[in-house]
Amino acid sequence: GGHLATNRSCADLIPALLAASATVARVDGDWPLEQLLDSPPD
């Protein structure tokens, strides 16, 4: 969660999760990971 929330340019896990079509559960619902990379943190 911290890795995704920090959302660094050089993140190690995020590319693999994108390649796996991962979704993210936040308090505001479930989202495709790619949509959240441009959104405000939650």
PDB file of all heavy atoms in Angstrom:
ATOM      1  N   GLY A   1       0.806  -1.218   0.000  1.00  0.00           N
ATOM      2  CA  GLY A   1       0.000   0.000   0.000  1.00  0.00           C
ATOM      3  C   GLY A   1       0.835   1.262   0.000  1.00  0.00           C
ATOM      4  O   GLY A   1       0.538   2.226  -0.720  1.00  0.00           O
ATOM      5  N   GLY A   2       1.906   1.275   0.793  1.00  0.00           N
ATOM      6  CA  GLY A   2       2.779   2.438   0.824  1.00  0.00           C
ATOM      7  C   GLY A   2       3.462   2.668  -0.509  1.00  0.00           C
ATOM      8  O   GLY A   2       3.635   3.808  -0.961  1.00  0.00           O
ATOM      9  N   HIS A   3       3.855   1.580  -1.159  1.00  0.00           N
ATOM     10  CA  HIS A   3       4.503   1.656  -2.466  1.00  0.00           C
ATOM     11  C   HIS A   3       3.569   2.298  -3.495  1.00  0.00           C
ATOM     12  O   HIS A   3       3.985   3.165  -4.273  1.00  0.00           O
ATOM     13  CB  HIS A   3       4.882   0.241  -2.889  1.00  0.00           C
ATOM     14  CG  HIS A   3       5.736   0.154  -4.119  1.00  0.00           C
ATOM     15  ND1 HIS A   3       7.019   0.616  -4.174  1.00  0.00           N
ATOM     16  CD2 HIS A   3       5.471  -0.366  -5.351  1.00  0.00           C
ATOM     17  CE1 HIS A   3       7.527   0.386  -5.380  1.00  0.00           C
ATOM     18  NE2 HIS A   3       6.607  -0.206  -6.111  1.00  0.00           N
ATOM     19  N   LEU A   4       2.305   1.862  -3.488  1.00  0.00           N
ATOM     20  CA  LEU A   4       1.343   2.417  -4.447  1.00  0.00           C
ATOM     21  C   LEU A   4       0.996   3.863  -4.104  1.00  0.00           C
ATOM     22  O   LEU A   4       0.858   4.705  -5.002  1.00  0.00           O
ATOM     23  CB  LEU A   4       0.070   1.569  -4.462  1.00  0.00           C
ATOM     24  CG  LEU A   4       0.207   0.123  -4.921  1.00  0.00           C
ATOM     25  CD1 LEU A   4      -1.162  -0.543  -4.981  1.00  0.00           C
ATOM     26  CD2 LEU A   4       0.888   0.031  -6.275  1.00  0.00           C
ATOM     27  N   ALA A   5       0.841   4.148  -2.820  1.00  0.00           N
ATOM     28  CA  ALA A   5       0.473   5.511  -2.416  1.00  0.00           C
ATOM     29  C   ALA A   5       1.589   6.500  -2.738  1.00  0.00           C
ATOM     30  O   ALA A   5       1.334   7.632  -3.165  1.00  0.00           O
ATOM     31  CB  ALA A   5       0.144   5.546  -0.931  1.00  0.00           C
ATOM     32  N   THR A   6       2.853   6.089  -2.542  1.00  0.00           N
ATOM     33  CA  THR A   6       3.977   6.961  -2.862  1.00  0.00           C
ATOM     34  C   THR A   6       4.089   7.177  -4.362  1.00  0.00           C
ATOM     35  O   THR A   6       4.430   8.269  -4.824  1.00  0.00           O
ATOM     36  CB  THR A   6       5.284   6.359  -2.315  1.00  0.00           C
ATOM     37  OG1 THR A   6       5.133   6.130  -0.911  1.00  0.00           O
ATOM     38  CG2 THR A   6       6.456   7.289  -2.537  1.00  0.00           C
ATOM     39  N   ASN A   7       3.799   6.119  -5.143  1.00  0.00           N
ATOM     40  CA  ASN A   7       3.635   6.254  -6.598  1.00  0.00           C
ATOM     41  C   ASN A   7       4.866   6.868  -7.261  1.00  0.00           C
ATOM     42  O   ASN A   7       4.766   7.769  -8.086  1.00  0.00           O
ATOM     43  CB  ASN A   7       2.393   7.104  -6.893  1.00  0.00           C
ATOM     44  CG  ASN A   7       1.913   6.992  -8.335  1.00  0.00           C
ATOM     45  OD1 ASN A   7       2.307   6.073  -9.057  1.00  0.00           O
ATOM     46  ND2 ASN A   7       1.090   7.926  -8.748  1.00  0.00           N
ATOM     47  N   ARG A   8       6.031   6.345  -6.919  1.00  0.00           N
ATOM     48  CA  ARG A   8       7.260   6.893  -7.482  1.00  0.00           C
ATOM     49  C   ARG A   8       7.405   6.530  -8.959  1.00  0.00           C
ATOM     50  O   ARG A   8       6.944   5.473  -9.409  1.00  0.00           O
ATOM     51  CB  ARG A   8       8.479   6.378  -6.717  1.00  0.00           C
ATOM     52  CG  ARG A   8       8.625   6.960  -5.326  1.00  0.00           C
ATOM     53  CD  ARG A   8      10.029   6.743  -4.798  1.00  0.00           C
ATOM     54  NE  ARG A   8      10.174   7.267  -3.442  1.00  0.00           N
ATOM     55  CZ  ARG A   8      10.388   8.539  -3.157  1.00  0.00           C
ATOM     56  NH1 ARG A   8      10.434   9.419  -4.143  1.00  0.00           N
ATOM     57  NH2 ARG A   8      10.520   8.943  -1.905  1.00  0.00           N
ATOM     58  N   SER A   9       8.090   7.382  -9.677  1.00  0.00           N
ATOM     59  CA  SER A   9       8.335   7.140 -11.096  1.00  0.00           C
ATOM     60  C   SER A   9       9.039   5.818 -11.331  1.00  0.00           C
ATOM     61  O   SER A   9       8.727   5.090 -12.272  1.00  0.00           O
ATOM     62  CB  SER A   9       9.171   8.288 -11.671  1.00  0.00           C
ATOM     63  OG  SER A   9       9.602   7.994 -12.981  1.00  0.00           O
ATOM     64  N   CYS A  10      10.009   5.499 -10.467  1.00  0.00           N
ATOM     65  CA  CYS A  10      10.854   4.318 -10.658  1.00  0.00           C
ATOM     66  C   CYS A  10      10.371   3.126  -9.825  1.00  0.00           C
ATOM     67  O   CYS A  10      11.167   2.265  -9.445  1.00  0.00           O
ATOM     68  CB  CYS A  10      12.294   4.643 -10.311  1.00  0.00           C
ATOM     69  SG  CYS A  10      12.498   5.350  -8.650  1.00  0.00           S
ATOM     70  N   ALA A  11       9.079   3.056  -9.524  1.00  0.00           N
ATOM     71  CA  ALA A  11       8.538   1.984  -8.690  1.00  0.00           C
ATOM     72  C   ALA A  11       8.874   0.610  -9.261  1.00  0.00           C
ATOM     73  O   ALA A  11       8.841   0.401 -10.477  1.00  0.00           O
ATOM     74  CB  ALA A  11       7.026   2.143  -8.562  1.00  0.00           C
ATOM     75  N   ASP A  12       9.182  -0.337  -8.386  1.00  0.00           N
ATOM     76  CA  ASP A  12       9.543  -1.685  -8.825  1.00  0.00           C
ATOM     77  C   ASP A  12       8.341  -2.599  -9.003  1.00  0.00           C
ATOM     78  O   ASP A  12       8.325  -3.424  -9.921  1.00  0.00           O
ATOM     79  CB  ASP A  12      10.490  -2.320  -7.794  1.00  0.00           C
ATOM     80  CG  ASP A  12      11.861  -1.670  -7.799  1.00  0.00           C
ATOM     81  OD1 ASP A  12      12.567  -1.810  -8.801  1.00  0.00           O
ATOM     82  OD2 ASP A  12      12.207  -1.015  -6.806  1.00  0.00           O
ATOM     83  N   LEU A  13       7.340  -2.479  -8.142  1.00  0.00           N
ATOM     84  CA  LEU A  13       6.212  -3.408  -8.169  1.00  0.00           C
ATOM     85  C   LEU A  13       5.093  -2.948  -9.111  1.00  0.00           C
ATOM     86  O   LEU A  13       4.391  -3.775  -9.698  1.00  0.00           O
ATOM     87  CB  LEU A  13       5.654  -3.574  -6.753  1.00  0.00           C
ATOM     88  CG  LEU A  13       4.699  -4.738  -6.517  1.00  0.00           C
ATOM     89  CD1 LEU A  13       5.385  -6.068  -6.793  1.00  0.00           C
ATOM     90  CD2 LEU A  13       4.161  -4.701  -5.083  1.00  0.00           C
ATOM     91  N   ILE A  14       4.929  -1.639  -9.276  1.00  0.00           N
ATOM     92  CA  ILE A  14       3.801  -1.123 -10.059  1.00  0.00           C
ATOM     93  C   ILE A  14       3.817  -1.624 -11.507  1.00  0.00           C
ATOM     94  O   ILE A  14       2.765  -2.009 -12.033  1.00  0.00           O
ATOM     95  CB  ILE A  14       3.736   0.407  -9.980  1.00  0.00           C
ATOM     96  CG1 ILE A  14       3.350   0.831  -8.553  1.00  0.00           C
ATOM     97  CG2 ILE A  14       2.740   0.978 -10.978  1.00  0.00           C
ATOM     98  CD1 ILE A  14       3.348   2.331  -8.323  1.00  0.00           C
ATOM     99  N   PRO A  15       4.969  -1.649 -12.223  1.00  0.00           N
ATOM    100  CA  PRO A  15       4.919  -2.183 -13.588  1.00  0.00           C
ATOM    101  C   PRO A  15       4.381  -3.611 -13.656  1.00  0.00           C
ATOM    102  O   PRO A  15       3.572  -3.942 -14.533  1.00  0.00           O
ATOM    103  CB  PRO A  15       6.375  -2.104 -14.047  1.00  0.00           C
ATOM    104  CG  PRO A  15       6.961  -0.998 -13.240  1.00  0.00           C
ATOM    105  CD  PRO A  15       6.300  -1.113 -11.892  1.00  0.00           C
ATOM    106  N   ALA A  16       4.813  -4.470 -12.729  1.00  0.00           N
ATOM    107  CA  ALA A  16       4.344  -5.853 -12.726  1.00  0.00           C
ATOM    108  C   ALA A  16       2.847  -5.929 -12.435  1.00  0.00           C
ATOM    109  O   ALA A  16       2.125  -6.734 -13.037  1.00  0.00           O
ATOM    110  CB  ALA A  16       5.130  -6.668 -11.701  1.00  0.00           C
ATOM    111  N   LEU A  17       2.369  -5.098 -11.515  1.00  0.00           N
ATOM    112  CA  LEU A  17       0.938  -5.096 -11.212  1.00  0.00           C
ATOM    113  C   LEU A  17       0.117  -4.585 -12.386  1.00  0.00           C
ATOM    114  O   LEU A  17      -0.984  -5.086 -12.663  1.00  0.00           O
ATOM    115  CB  LEU A  17       0.674  -4.246  -9.967  1.00  0.00           C
ATOM    116  CG  LEU A  17       1.205  -4.822  -8.647  1.00  0.00           C
ATOM    117  CD1 LEU A  17       1.029  -3.800  -7.522  1.00  0.00           C
ATOM    118  CD2 LEU A  17       0.502  -6.125  -8.296  1.00  0.00           C
ATOM    119  N   LEU A  18       0.629  -3.590 -13.101  1.00  0.00           N
ATOM    120  CA  LEU A  18      -0.054  -3.131 -14.315  1.00  0.00           C
ATOM    121  C   LEU A  18      -0.100  -4.244 -15.354  1.00  0.00           C
ATOM    122  O   LEU A  18      -1.133  -4.468 -16.002  1.00  0.00           O
ATOM    123  CB  LEU A  18       0.655  -1.910 -14.890  1.00  0.00           C
ATOM    124  CG  LEU A  18       0.426  -0.578 -14.182  1.00  0.00           C
ATOM    125  CD1 LEU A  18       1.344   0.492 -14.776  1.00  0.00           C
ATOM    126  CD2 LEU A  18      -1.033  -0.127 -14.303  1.00  0.00           C
ATOM    127  N   ALA A  19       1.015  -4.947 -15.518  1.00  0.00           N
ATOM    128  CA  ALA A  19       1.064  -6.035 -16.492  1.00  0.00           C
ATOM    129  C   ALA A  19       0.104  -7.159 -16.139  1.00  0.00           C
ATOM    130  O   ALA A  19      -0.346  -7.911 -17.011  1.00  0.00           O
ATOM    131  CB  ALA A  19       2.489  -6.570 -16.603  1.00  0.00           C
ATOM    132  N   ALA A  20      -0.233  -7.279 -14.854  1.00  0.00           N
ATOM    133  CA  ALA A  20      -1.160  -8.313 -14.389  1.00  0.00           C
ATOM    134  C   ALA A  20      -2.600  -7.841 -14.339  1.00  0.00           C
ATOM    135  O   ALA A  20      -3.478  -8.575 -13.877  1.00  0.00           O
ATOM    136  CB  ALA A  20      -0.734  -8.793 -13.004  1.00  0.00           C
ATOM    137  N   SER A  21      -2.877  -6.604 -14.792  1.00  0.00           N
ATOM    138  CA  SER A  21      -4.232  -6.033 -14.762  1.00  0.00           C
ATOM    139  C   SER A  21      -4.793  -6.009 -13.345  1.00  0.00           C
ATOM    140  O   SER A  21      -5.966  -6.333 -13.108  1.00  0.00           O
ATOM    141  CB  SER A  21      -5.180  -6.800 -15.696  1.00  0.00           C
ATOM    142  OG  SER A  21      -4.720  -6.739 -17.019  1.00  0.00           O
ATOM    143  N   ALA A  22      -3.967  -5.614 -12.386  1.00  0.00           N
ATOM    144  CA  ALA A  22      -4.383  -5.578 -10.989  1.00  0.00           C
ATOM    145  C   ALA A  22      -5.391  -4.467 -10.744  1.00  0.00           C
ATOM    146  O   ALA A  22      -5.402  -3.437 -11.435  1.00  0.00           O
ATOM    147  CB  ALA A  22      -3.163  -5.370 -10.092  1.00  0.00           C
ATOM    148  N   THR A  23      -6.239  -4.687  -9.753  1.00  0.00           N
ATOM    149  CA  THR A  23      -7.161  -3.661  -9.287  1.00  0.00           C
ATOM    150  C   THR A  23      -6.833  -3.318  -7.840  1.00  0.00           C
ATOM    151  O   THR A  23      -6.235  -4.121  -7.114  1.00  0.00           O
ATOM    152  CB  THR A  23      -8.622  -4.120  -9.388  1.00  0.00           C
ATOM    153  OG1 THR A  23      -8.793  -5.347  -8.647  1.00  0.00           O
ATOM    154  CG2 THR A  23      -9.019  -4.361 -10.836  1.00  0.00           C
ATOM    155  N   VAL A  24      -7.219  -2.120  -7.437  1.00  0.00           N
ATOM    156  CA  VAL A  24      -6.886  -1.615  -6.111  1.00  0.00           C
ATOM    157  C   VAL A  24      -8.167  -1.294  -5.350  1.00  0.00           C
ATOM    158  O   VAL A  24      -9.057  -0.609  -5.877  1.00  0.00           O
ATOM    159  CB  VAL A  24      -6.008  -0.353  -6.209  1.00  0.00           C
ATOM    160  CG1 VAL A  24      -5.678   0.188  -4.822  1.00  0.00           C
ATOM    161  CG2 VAL A  24      -4.732  -0.649  -6.985  1.00  0.00           C
ATOM    162  N   ALA A  25      -8.265  -1.796  -4.131  1.00  0.00           N
ATOM    163  CA  ALA A  25      -9.387  -1.472  -3.248  1.00  0.00           C
ATOM    164  C   ALA A  25      -8.984  -0.299  -2.361  1.00  0.00           C
ATOM    165  O   ALA A  25      -8.011  -0.396  -1.605  1.00  0.00           O
ATOM    166  CB  ALA A  25      -9.760  -2.680  -2.396  1.00  0.00           C
ATOM    167  N   ARG A  26      -9.711   0.819  -2.487  1.00  0.00           N
ATOM    168  CA  ARG A  26      -9.511   1.965  -1.613  1.00  0.00           C
ATOM    169  C   ARG A  26     -10.821   2.223  -0.870  1.00  0.00           C
ATOM    170  O   ARG A  26     -11.832   1.565  -1.122  1.00  0.00           O
ATOM    171  CB  ARG A  26      -9.132   3.220  -2.420  1.00  0.00           C
ATOM    172  CG  ARG A  26      -7.904   3.075  -3.272  1.00  0.00           C
ATOM    173  CD  ARG A  26      -7.339   4.412  -3.718  1.00  0.00           C
ATOM    174  NE  ARG A  26      -8.310   5.323  -4.307  1.00  0.00           N
ATOM    175  CZ  ARG A  26      -8.018   6.494  -4.869  1.00  0.00           C
ATOM    176  NH1 ARG A  26      -6.750   6.892  -4.925  1.00  0.00           N
ATOM    177  NH2 ARG A  26      -8.952   7.273  -5.380  1.00  0.00           N
ATOM    178  N   VAL A  27     -10.806   3.168   0.030  1.00  0.00           N
ATOM    179  CA  VAL A  27     -12.029   3.453   0.779  1.00  0.00           C
ATOM    180  C   VAL A  27     -13.116   4.011  -0.139  1.00  0.00           C
ATOM    181  O   VAL A  27     -14.295   3.979   0.203  1.00  0.00           O
ATOM    182  CB  VAL A  27     -11.761   4.426   1.943  1.00  0.00           C
ATOM    183  CG1 VAL A  27     -10.885   3.770   2.990  1.00  0.00           C
ATOM    184  CG2 VAL A  27     -11.145   5.724   1.453  1.00  0.00           C
ATOM    185  N   ASP A  28     -12.725   4.505  -1.317  1.00  0.00           N
ATOM    186  CA  ASP A  28     -13.717   5.042  -2.249  1.00  0.00           C
ATOM    187  C   ASP A  28     -14.092   4.038  -3.336  1.00  0.00           C
ATOM    188  O   ASP A  28     -14.700   4.405  -4.346  1.00  0.00           O
ATOM    189  CB  ASP A  28     -13.210   6.343  -2.890  1.00  0.00           C
ATOM    190  CG  ASP A  28     -11.899   6.166  -3.642  1.00  0.00           C
ATOM    191  OD1 ASP A  28     -11.276   5.091  -3.506  1.00  0.00           O
ATOM    192  OD2 ASP A  28     -11.504   7.097  -4.373  1.00  0.00           O
ATOM    193  N   GLY A  29     -13.750   2.757  -3.170  1.00  0.00           N
ATOM    194  CA  GLY A  29     -14.159   1.737  -4.127  1.00  0.00           C
ATOM    195  C   GLY A  29     -12.990   0.998  -4.745  1.00  0.00           C
ATOM    196  O   GLY A  29     -11.831   1.204  -4.382  1.00  0.00           O
ATOM    197  N   ASP A  30     -13.317   0.109  -5.688  1.00  0.00           N
ATOM    198  CA  ASP A  30     -12.316  -0.684  -6.394  1.00  0.00           C
ATOM    199  C   ASP A  30     -12.023  -0.042  -7.747  1.00  0.00           C
ATOM    200  O   ASP A  30     -12.947   0.324  -8.483  1.00  0.00           O
ATOM    201  CB  ASP A  30     -12.810  -2.118  -6.605  1.00  0.00           C
ATOM    202  CG  ASP A  30     -12.999  -2.866  -5.296  1.00  0.00           C
ATOM    203  OD1 ASP A  30     -12.498  -2.389  -4.260  1.00  0.00           O
ATOM    204  OD2 ASP A  30     -13.651  -3.926  -5.313  1.00  0.00           O
ATOM    205  N   TRP A  31     -10.719   0.039  -8.085  1.00  0.00           N
ATOM    206  CA  TRP A  31     -10.305   0.736  -9.284  1.00  0.00           C
ATOM    207  C   TRP A  31      -9.222  -0.040 -10.018  1.00  0.00           C
ATOM    208  O   TRP A  31      -8.352  -0.638  -9.383  1.00  0.00           O
ATOM    209  CB  TRP A  31      -9.720   2.112  -8.926  1.00  0.00           C
ATOM    210  CG  TRP A  31     -10.654   3.005  -8.196  1.00  0.00           C
ATOM    211  CD1 TRP A  31     -10.864   3.054  -6.853  1.00  0.00           C
ATOM    212  CD2 TRP A  31     -11.520   3.988  -8.771  1.00  0.00           C
ATOM    213  NE1 TRP A  31     -11.795   4.012  -6.546  1.00  0.00           N
ATOM    214  CE2 TRP A  31     -12.210   4.600  -7.698  1.00  0.00           C
ATOM    215  CE3 TRP A  31     -11.751   4.426 -10.078  1.00  0.00           C
ATOM    216  CZ2 TRP A  31     -13.129   5.609  -7.916  1.00  0.00           C
ATOM    217  CZ3 TRP A  31     -12.671   5.432 -10.286  1.00  0.00           C
ATOM    218  CH2 TRP A  31     -13.355   6.013  -9.218  1.00  0.00           C
ATOM    219  N   PRO A  32      -9.225  -0.009 -11.362  1.00  0.00           N
ATOM    220  CA  PRO A  32      -8.049  -0.500 -12.090  1.00  0.00           C
ATOM    221  C   PRO A  32      -6.831   0.330 -11.670  1.00  0.00           C
ATOM    222  O   PRO A  32      -6.921   1.551 -11.536  1.00  0.00           O
ATOM    223  CB  PRO A  32      -8.406  -0.261 -13.559  1.00  0.00           C
ATOM    224  CG  PRO A  32      -9.903  -0.145 -13.584  1.00  0.00           C
ATOM    225  CD  PRO A  32     -10.297   0.450 -12.275  1.00  0.00           C
ATOM    226  N   LEU A  33      -5.712  -0.322 -11.486  1.00  0.00           N
ATOM    227  CA  LEU A  33      -4.523   0.373 -10.993  1.00  0.00           C
ATOM    228  C   LEU A  33      -4.147   1.555 -11.878  1.00  0.00           C
ATOM    229  O   LEU A  33      -3.802   2.628 -11.366  1.00  0.00           O
ATOM    230  CB  LEU A  33      -3.354  -0.611 -10.908  1.00  0.00           C
ATOM    231  CG  LEU A  33      -1.978  -0.023 -10.567  1.00  0.00           C
ATOM    232  CD1 LEU A  33      -2.008   0.744  -9.256  1.00  0.00           C
ATOM    233  CD2 LEU A  33      -0.931  -1.125 -10.529  1.00  0.00           C
ATOM    234  N   GLU A  34      -4.203   1.402 -13.180  1.00  0.00           N
ATOM    235  CA  GLU A  34      -3.765   2.475 -14.066  1.00  0.00           C
ATOM    236  C   GLU A  34      -4.545   3.761 -13.838  1.00  0.00           C
ATOM    237  O   GLU A  34      -3.994   4.860 -13.920  1.00  0.00           O
ATOM    238  CB  GLU A  34      -3.873   2.040 -15.527  1.00  0.00           C
ATOM    239  CG  GLU A  34      -3.256   3.059 -16.482  1.00  0.00           C
ATOM    240  CD  GLU A  34      -3.288   2.629 -17.934  1.00  0.00           C
ATOM    241  OE1 GLU A  34      -3.993   1.643 -18.251  1.00  0.00           O
ATOM    242  OE2 GLU A  34      -2.634   3.275 -18.755  1.00  0.00           O
ATOM    243  N   GLN A  35      -5.852   3.634 -13.538  1.00  0.00           N
ATOM    244  CA  GLN A  35      -6.671   4.828 -13.300  1.00  0.00           C
ATOM    245  C   GLN A  35      -6.211   5.599 -12.069  1.00  0.00           C
ATOM    246  O   GLN A  35      -6.362   6.825 -12.005  1.00  0.00           O
ATOM    247  CB  GLN A  35      -8.140   4.438 -13.122  1.00  0.00           C
ATOM    248  CG  GLN A  35      -8.856   4.104 -14.410  1.00  0.00           C
ATOM    249  CD  GLN A  35     -10.331   3.873 -14.165  1.00  0.00           C
ATOM    250  OE1 GLN A  35     -10.866   2.817 -14.482  1.00  0.00           O
ATOM    251  NE2 GLN A  35     -10.996   4.836 -13.585  1.00  0.00           N
ATOM    252  N   LEU A  36      -5.661   4.896 -11.083  1.00  0.00           N
ATOM    253  CA  LEU A  36      -5.305   5.546  -9.820  1.00  0.00           C
ATOM    254  C   LEU A  36      -3.969   6.269  -9.868  1.00  0.00           C
ATOM    255  O   LEU A  36      -3.689   7.102  -9.007  1.00  0.00           O
ATOM    256  CB  LEU A  36      -5.267   4.510  -8.698  1.00  0.00           C
ATOM    257  CG  LEU A  36      -6.595   3.847  -8.363  1.00  0.00           C
ATOM    258  CD1 LEU A  36      -6.435   2.961  -7.142  1.00  0.00           C
ATOM    259  CD2 LEU A  36      -7.693   4.872  -8.132  1.00  0.00           C
ATOM    260  N   LEU A  37      -3.144   5.971 -10.850  1.00  0.00           N
ATOM    261  CA  LEU A  37      -1.819   6.578 -10.886  1.00  0.00           C
ATOM    262  C   LEU A  37      -1.876   8.078 -11.136  1.00  0.00           C
ATOM    263  O   LEU A  37      -0.940   8.803 -10.799  1.00  0.00           O
ATOM    264  CB  LEU A  37      -0.960   5.891 -11.952  1.00  0.00           C
ATOM    265  CG  LEU A  37      -0.690   4.402 -11.711  1.00  0.00           C
ATOM    266  CD1 LEU A  37       0.167   3.826 -12.824  1.00  0.00           C
ATOM    267  CD2 LEU A  37      -0.036   4.161 -10.356  1.00  0.00           C
ATOM    268  N   ASP A  38      -2.969   8.556 -11.720  1.00  0.00           N
ATOM    269  CA  ASP A  38      -3.143   9.987 -11.963  1.00  0.00           C
ATOM    270  C   ASP A  38      -4.108  10.640 -10.974  1.00  0.00           C
ATOM    271  O   ASP A  38      -4.399  11.822 -11.087  1.00  0.00           O
ATOM    272  CB  ASP A  38      -3.690  10.227 -13.374  1.00  0.00           C
ATOM    273  CG  ASP A  38      -2.586  10.254 -14.421  1.00  0.00           C
ATOM    274  OD1 ASP A  38      -1.518  10.815 -14.135  1.00  0.00           O
ATOM    275  OD2 ASP A  38      -2.789   9.694 -15.508  1.00  0.00           O
ATOM    276  N   SER A  39      -4.619   9.870 -10.004  1.00  0.00           N
ATOM    277  CA  SER A  39      -5.664  10.386  -9.129  1.00  0.00           C
ATOM    278  C   SER A  39      -5.086  10.842  -7.792  1.00  0.00           C
ATOM    279  O   SER A  39      -3.985  10.439  -7.416  1.00  0.00           O
ATOM    280  CB  SER A  39      -6.726   9.303  -8.880  1.00  0.00           C
ATOM    281  OG  SER A  39      -6.209   8.286  -8.035  1.00  0.00           O
ATOM    282  N   PRO A  40      -5.815  11.680  -7.050  1.00  0.00           N
ATOM    283  CA  PRO A  40      -5.355  12.074  -5.711  1.00  0.00           C
ATOM    284  C   PRO A  40      -5.241  10.858  -4.805  1.00  0.00           C
ATOM    285  O   PRO A  40      -5.977   9.885  -4.961  1.00  0.00           O
ATOM    286  CB  PRO A  40      -6.451  13.020  -5.221  1.00  0.00           C
ATOM    287  CG  PRO A  40      -7.162  13.464  -6.447  1.00  0.00           C
ATOM    288  CD  PRO A  40      -7.079  12.325  -7.419  1.00  0.00           C
ATOM    289  N   PRO A  41      -4.312  10.858  -3.856  1.00  0.00           N
ATOM    290  CA  PRO A  41      -4.136   9.696  -2.983  1.00  0.00           C
ATOM    291  C   PRO A  41      -5.336   9.489  -2.065  1.00  0.00           C
ATOM    292  O   PRO A  41      -6.044  10.430  -1.717  1.00  0.00           O
ATOM    293  CB  PRO A  41      -2.873  10.040  -2.186  1.00  0.00           C
ATOM    294  CG  PRO A  41      -2.793  11.534  -2.229  1.00  0.00           C
ATOM    295  CD  PRO A  41      -3.363  11.942  -3.549  1.00  0.00           C
ATOM    296  N   ASP A  42      -5.568   8.265  -1.694  1.00  0.00           N
ATOM    297  CA  ASP A  42      -6.611   7.902  -0.737  1.00  0.00           C
ATOM    298  C   ASP A  42      -6.117   6.661  -0.010  1.00  0.00           C
ATOM    299  O   ASP A  42      -5.120   6.049  -0.407  1.00  0.00           O
ATOM    300  CB  ASP A  42      -7.934   7.632  -1.464  1.00  0.00           C
ATOM    301  CG  ASP A  42      -9.145   7.763  -0.546  1.00  0.00           C
ATOM    302  OD1 ASP A  42      -8.946   7.789   0.682  1.00  0.00           O
ATOM    303  OD2 ASP A  42     -10.277   7.840  -1.046  1.00  0.00           O
TER     304      ASP A  42
END
